[in-house]
Amino acid sequence: MAILSFRKRQRWHMQYWMRARVVAQGLTVGVMIMYYYRTKPNEVEKTRHLDEVSIKREERESKDRQEFLTRLKNAEDQWKEDQRPTAKEGDVKSEIPEADRAKSLKAGLPTNSGGGWWKMSWLWGSASKN
């Protein structure tokens, strides 16, 4: 409308529409401010809820961390216990019982009695002569 008033050279009418535009912009800004202040209490409630959730999460993580450290300590203790030598020094026992060793020799399978990878004659088809 202000453009039509400008073309018709009606200054008072153009001023009227320009002032109406400024009032409309002021009302828009006022509504935005009212909206902000009316929703602010909800934001405080949301923040309080988020604080409670984060505290619970931190407590749960702390509890989980303690449980993990306890399990880790138990596993380390068990590992150390398993690493202790059960036989006396100088008393060398084979990892394969004698009955299983005899079966392995008959079948031509390797045994854990000394040697290295170069003594893997079973791989090429000849039986081990241990």
C-alpha atoms as a PDB file:
ATOM      1  CA  MET A   1       0.000   0.000   0.000  1.00  0.00           C
ATOM      2  CA  ALA A   2       2.833   2.372   0.761  1.00  0.00           C
ATOM      3  CA  ILE A   3       4.218   1.857  -2.742  1.00  0.00           C
ATOM      4  CA  LEU A   4       0.880   2.809  -4.321  1.00  0.00           C
ATOM      5  CA  SER A   5       0.704   5.890  -2.123  1.00  0.00           C
ATOM      6  CA  PHE A   6       4.244   6.776  -3.182  1.00  0.00           C
ATOM      7  CA  ARG A   7       3.325   6.533  -6.887  1.00  0.00           C
ATOM      8  CA  LYS A   8       0.216   8.654  -6.392  1.00  0.00           C
ATOM      9  CA  ARG A   9       2.332  11.173  -4.455  1.00  0.00           C
ATOM     10  CA  GLN A  10       0.178  10.932  -1.350  1.00  0.00           C
ATOM     11  CA  ARG A  11       2.794  11.544   1.314  1.00  0.00           C
ATOM     12  CA  TRP A  12       0.478  11.459   4.312  1.00  0.00           C
ATOM     13  CA  HIS A  13      -0.936   8.095   3.219  1.00  0.00           C
ATOM     14  CA  MET A  14       2.577   6.719   2.658  1.00  0.00           C
ATOM     15  CA  GLN A  15       3.604   7.893   6.166  1.00  0.00           C
ATOM     16  CA  TYR A  16       0.562   6.156   7.597  1.00  0.00           C
ATOM     17  CA  TRP A  17       1.630   2.764   6.119  1.00  0.00           C
ATOM     18  CA  MET A  18       5.261   3.206   7.114  1.00  0.00           C
ATOM     19  CA  ARG A  19       4.202   3.841  10.722  1.00  0.00           C
ATOM     20  CA  ALA A  20       1.929   0.799  10.594  1.00  0.00           C
ATOM     21  CA  ARG A  21       4.944  -1.259   9.452  1.00  0.00           C
ATOM     22  CA  VAL A  22       7.037  -0.004  12.381  1.00  0.00           C
ATOM     23  CA  VAL A  23       4.224  -0.858  14.836  1.00  0.00           C
ATOM     24  CA  ALA A  24       3.942  -4.366  13.347  1.00  0.00           C
ATOM     25  CA  GLN A  25       7.697  -4.880  13.719  1.00  0.00           C
ATOM     26  CA  GLY A  26       7.527  -3.667  17.330  1.00  0.00           C
ATOM     27  CA  LEU A  27       4.688  -6.081  18.068  1.00  0.00           C
ATOM     28  CA  THR A  28       6.715  -8.923  16.535  1.00  0.00           C
ATOM     29  CA  VAL A  29       9.689  -8.146  18.770  1.00  0.00           C
ATOM     30  CA  GLY A  30       7.369  -7.853  21.799  1.00  0.00           C
ATOM     31  CA  VAL A  31       5.810 -11.252  21.116  1.00  0.00           C
ATOM     32  CA  MET A  32       9.276 -12.808  20.801  1.00  0.00           C
ATOM     33  CA  ILE A  33      10.327 -11.355  24.165  1.00  0.00           C
ATOM     34  CA  MET A  34       7.120 -12.557  25.837  1.00  0.00           C
ATOM     35  CA  TYR A  35       7.654 -16.044  24.396  1.00  0.00           C
ATOM     36  CA  TYR A  36      11.211 -16.116  25.756  1.00  0.00           C
ATOM     37  CA  TYR A  37      10.180 -15.165  29.292  1.00  0.00           C
ATOM     38  CA  ARG A  38       7.185 -17.497  29.349  1.00  0.00           C
ATOM     39  CA  THR A  39       9.275 -20.523  28.328  1.00  0.00           C
ATOM     40  CA  LYS A  40      12.155 -19.712  30.679  1.00  0.00           C
ATOM     41  CA  PRO A  41      10.632 -21.553  33.718  1.00  0.00           C
ATOM     42  CA  ASN A  42      10.390 -24.703  31.578  1.00  0.00           C
ATOM     43  CA  GLU A  43      14.057 -24.328  30.715  1.00  0.00           C
ATOM     44  CA  VAL A  44      14.943 -24.197  34.412  1.00  0.00           C
ATOM     45  CA  GLU A  45      12.980 -27.415  34.976  1.00  0.00           C
ATOM     46  CA  LYS A  46      14.736 -29.058  32.014  1.00  0.00           C
ATOM     47  CA  THR A  47      18.122 -27.978  33.352  1.00  0.00           C
ATOM     48  CA  ARG A  48      17.314 -29.408  36.786  1.00  0.00           C
ATOM     49  CA  HIS A  49      16.271 -32.693  35.182  1.00  0.00           C
ATOM     50  CA  LEU A  50      19.460 -32.821  33.092  1.00  0.00           C
ATOM     51  CA  ASP A  51      21.540 -32.200  36.217  1.00  0.00           C
ATOM     52  CA  GLU A  52      19.839 -35.115  37.988  1.00  0.00           C
ATOM     53  CA  VAL A  53      20.387 -37.382  34.988  1.00  0.00           C
ATOM     54  CA  SER A  54      24.069 -36.453  34.747  1.00  0.00           C
ATOM     55  CA  ILE A  55      24.582 -37.103  38.475  1.00  0.00           C
ATOM     56  CA  LYS A  56      22.976 -40.546  38.157  1.00  0.00           C
ATOM     57  CA  ARG A  57      25.122 -41.309  35.107  1.00  0.00           C
ATOM     58  CA  GLU A  58      28.308 -40.288  36.944  1.00  0.00           C
ATOM     59  CA  GLU A  59      27.357 -42.483  39.913  1.00  0.00           C
ATOM     60  CA  ARG A  60      26.692 -45.434  37.604  1.00  0.00           C
ATOM     61  CA  GLU A  61      29.985 -44.899  35.764  1.00  0.00           C
ATOM     62  CA  SER A  62      31.853 -44.722  39.075  1.00  0.00           C
ATOM     63  CA  LYS A  63      30.218 -47.956  40.235  1.00  0.00           C
ATOM     64  CA  ASP A  64      31.019 -49.662  36.912  1.00  0.00           C
ATOM     65  CA  ARG A  65      34.614 -48.442  37.111  1.00  0.00           C
ATOM     66  CA  GLN A  66      35.004 -49.862  40.629  1.00  0.00           C
ATOM     67  CA  GLU A  67      33.523 -53.202  39.544  1.00  0.00           C
ATOM     68  CA  PHE A  68      35.878 -53.305  36.569  1.00  0.00           C
ATOM     69  CA  LEU A  69      38.910 -52.550  38.725  1.00  0.00           C
ATOM     70  CA  THR A  70      37.870 -55.288  41.151  1.00  0.00           C
ATOM     71  CA  ARG A  71      37.486 -57.807  38.321  1.00  0.00           C
ATOM     72  CA  LEU A  72      40.822 -56.709  36.843  1.00  0.00           C
ATOM     73  CA  LYS A  73      42.581 -57.144  40.198  1.00  0.00           C
ATOM     74  CA  ASN A  74      41.044 -60.603  40.623  1.00  0.00           C
ATOM     75  CA  ALA A  75      42.094 -61.582  37.101  1.00  0.00           C
ATOM     76  CA  GLU A  76      45.651 -60.349  37.708  1.00  0.00           C
ATOM     77  CA  ASP A  77      45.839 -62.303  40.971  1.00  0.00           C
ATOM     78  CA  GLN A  78      44.547 -65.423  39.214  1.00  0.00           C
ATOM     79  CA  TRP A  79      47.061 -64.959  36.400  1.00  0.00           C
ATOM     80  CA  LYS A  80      49.935 -64.575  38.884  1.00  0.00           C
ATOM     81  CA  GLU A  81      48.757 -67.703  40.684  1.00  0.00           C
ATOM     82  CA  ASP A  82      48.645 -69.615  37.388  1.00  0.00           C
ATOM     83  CA  GLN A  83      52.166 -68.456  36.513  1.00  0.00           C
ATOM     84  CA  ARG A  84      53.717 -69.864  39.688  1.00  0.00           C
ATOM     85  CA  PRO A  85      55.749 -72.983  38.949  1.00  0.00           C
ATOM     86  CA  THR A  86      54.022 -76.083  40.252  1.00  0.00           C
ATOM     87  CA  ALA A  87      56.978 -78.447  39.767  1.00  0.00           C
ATOM     88  CA  LYS A  88      60.297 -78.180  41.530  1.00  0.00           C
ATOM     89  CA  GLU A  89      63.318 -76.742  39.760  1.00  0.00           C
ATOM     90  CA  GLY A  90      65.030 -79.480  37.760  1.00  0.00           C
ATOM     91  CA  ASP A  91      61.918 -81.683  37.703  1.00  0.00           C
ATOM     92  CA  VAL A  92      61.009 -81.337  34.055  1.00  0.00           C
ATOM     93  CA  LYS A  93      57.731 -82.928  33.031  1.00  0.00           C
ATOM     94  CA  SER A  94      56.389 -83.151  29.578  1.00  0.00           C
ATOM     95  CA  GLU A  95      53.214 -81.294  28.712  1.00  0.00           C
ATOM     96  CA  ILE A  96      51.816 -84.494  27.174  1.00  0.00           C
ATOM     97  CA  PRO A  97      51.071 -87.469  29.450  1.00  0.00           C
ATOM     98  CA  GLU A  98      52.979 -90.684  28.659  1.00  0.00           C
ATOM     99  CA  ALA A  99      49.919 -92.558  27.356  1.00  0.00           C
ATOM    100  CA  ASP A 100      49.117 -89.738  24.944  1.00  0.00           C
ATOM    101  CA  ARG A 101      52.805 -89.519  23.957  1.00  0.00           C
ATOM    102  CA  ALA A 102      52.839 -93.172  22.946  1.00  0.00           C
ATOM    103  CA  LYS A 103      49.680 -92.742  20.862  1.00  0.00           C
ATOM    104  CA  SER A 104      51.185 -89.681  19.176  1.00  0.00           C
ATOM    105  CA  LEU A 105      54.380 -91.552  18.312  1.00  0.00           C
ATOM    106  CA  LYS A 106      52.426 -94.451  16.785  1.00  0.00           C
ATOM    107  CA  ALA A 107      50.294 -92.074  14.746  1.00  0.00           C
ATOM    108  CA  GLY A 108      53.285 -90.045  13.609  1.00  0.00           C
ATOM    109  CA  LEU A 109      52.055 -86.866  15.311  1.00  0.00           C
ATOM    110  CA  PRO A 110      54.425 -84.358  16.861  1.00  0.00           C
ATOM    111  CA  THR A 111      55.124 -84.311  20.569  1.00  0.00           C
ATOM    112  CA  ASN A 112      56.311 -81.477  22.772  1.00  0.00           C
ATOM    113  CA  SER A 113      59.540 -83.195  23.713  1.00  0.00           C
ATOM    114  CA  GLY A 114      62.359 -80.865  22.750  1.00  0.00           C
ATOM    115  CA  GLY A 115      63.469 -79.977  19.273  1.00  0.00           C
ATOM    116  CA  GLY A 116      62.375 -77.092  17.205  1.00  0.00           C
ATOM    117  CA  TRP A 117      60.540 -76.321  14.038  1.00  0.00           C
ATOM    118  CA  TRP A 118      63.245 -78.050  11.945  1.00  0.00           C
ATOM    119  CA  LYS A 119      62.363 -81.378  13.575  1.00  0.00           C
ATOM    120  CA  MET A 120      58.859 -81.369  12.151  1.00  0.00           C
ATOM    121  CA  SER A 121      59.388 -84.441  10.035  1.00  0.00           C
ATOM    122  CA  TRP A 122      55.778 -85.449  10.608  1.00  0.00           C
ATOM    123  CA  LEU A 123      54.876 -82.597   8.289  1.00  0.00           C
ATOM    124  CA  TRP A 124      56.596 -84.309   5.365  1.00  0.00           C
ATOM    125  CA  GLY A 125      55.124 -87.701   6.052  1.00  0.00           C
ATOM    126  CA  SER A 126      57.787 -89.622   8.002  1.00  0.00           C
ATOM    127  CA  ALA A 127      57.102 -90.655  11.578  1.00  0.00           C
ATOM    128  CA  SER A 128      58.890 -89.035  14.484  1.00  0.00           C
ATOM    129  CA  LYS A 129      61.556 -91.261  16.055  1.00  0.00           C
ATOM    130  CA  ASN A 130      61.515 -89.776  19.553  1.00  0.00           C
END
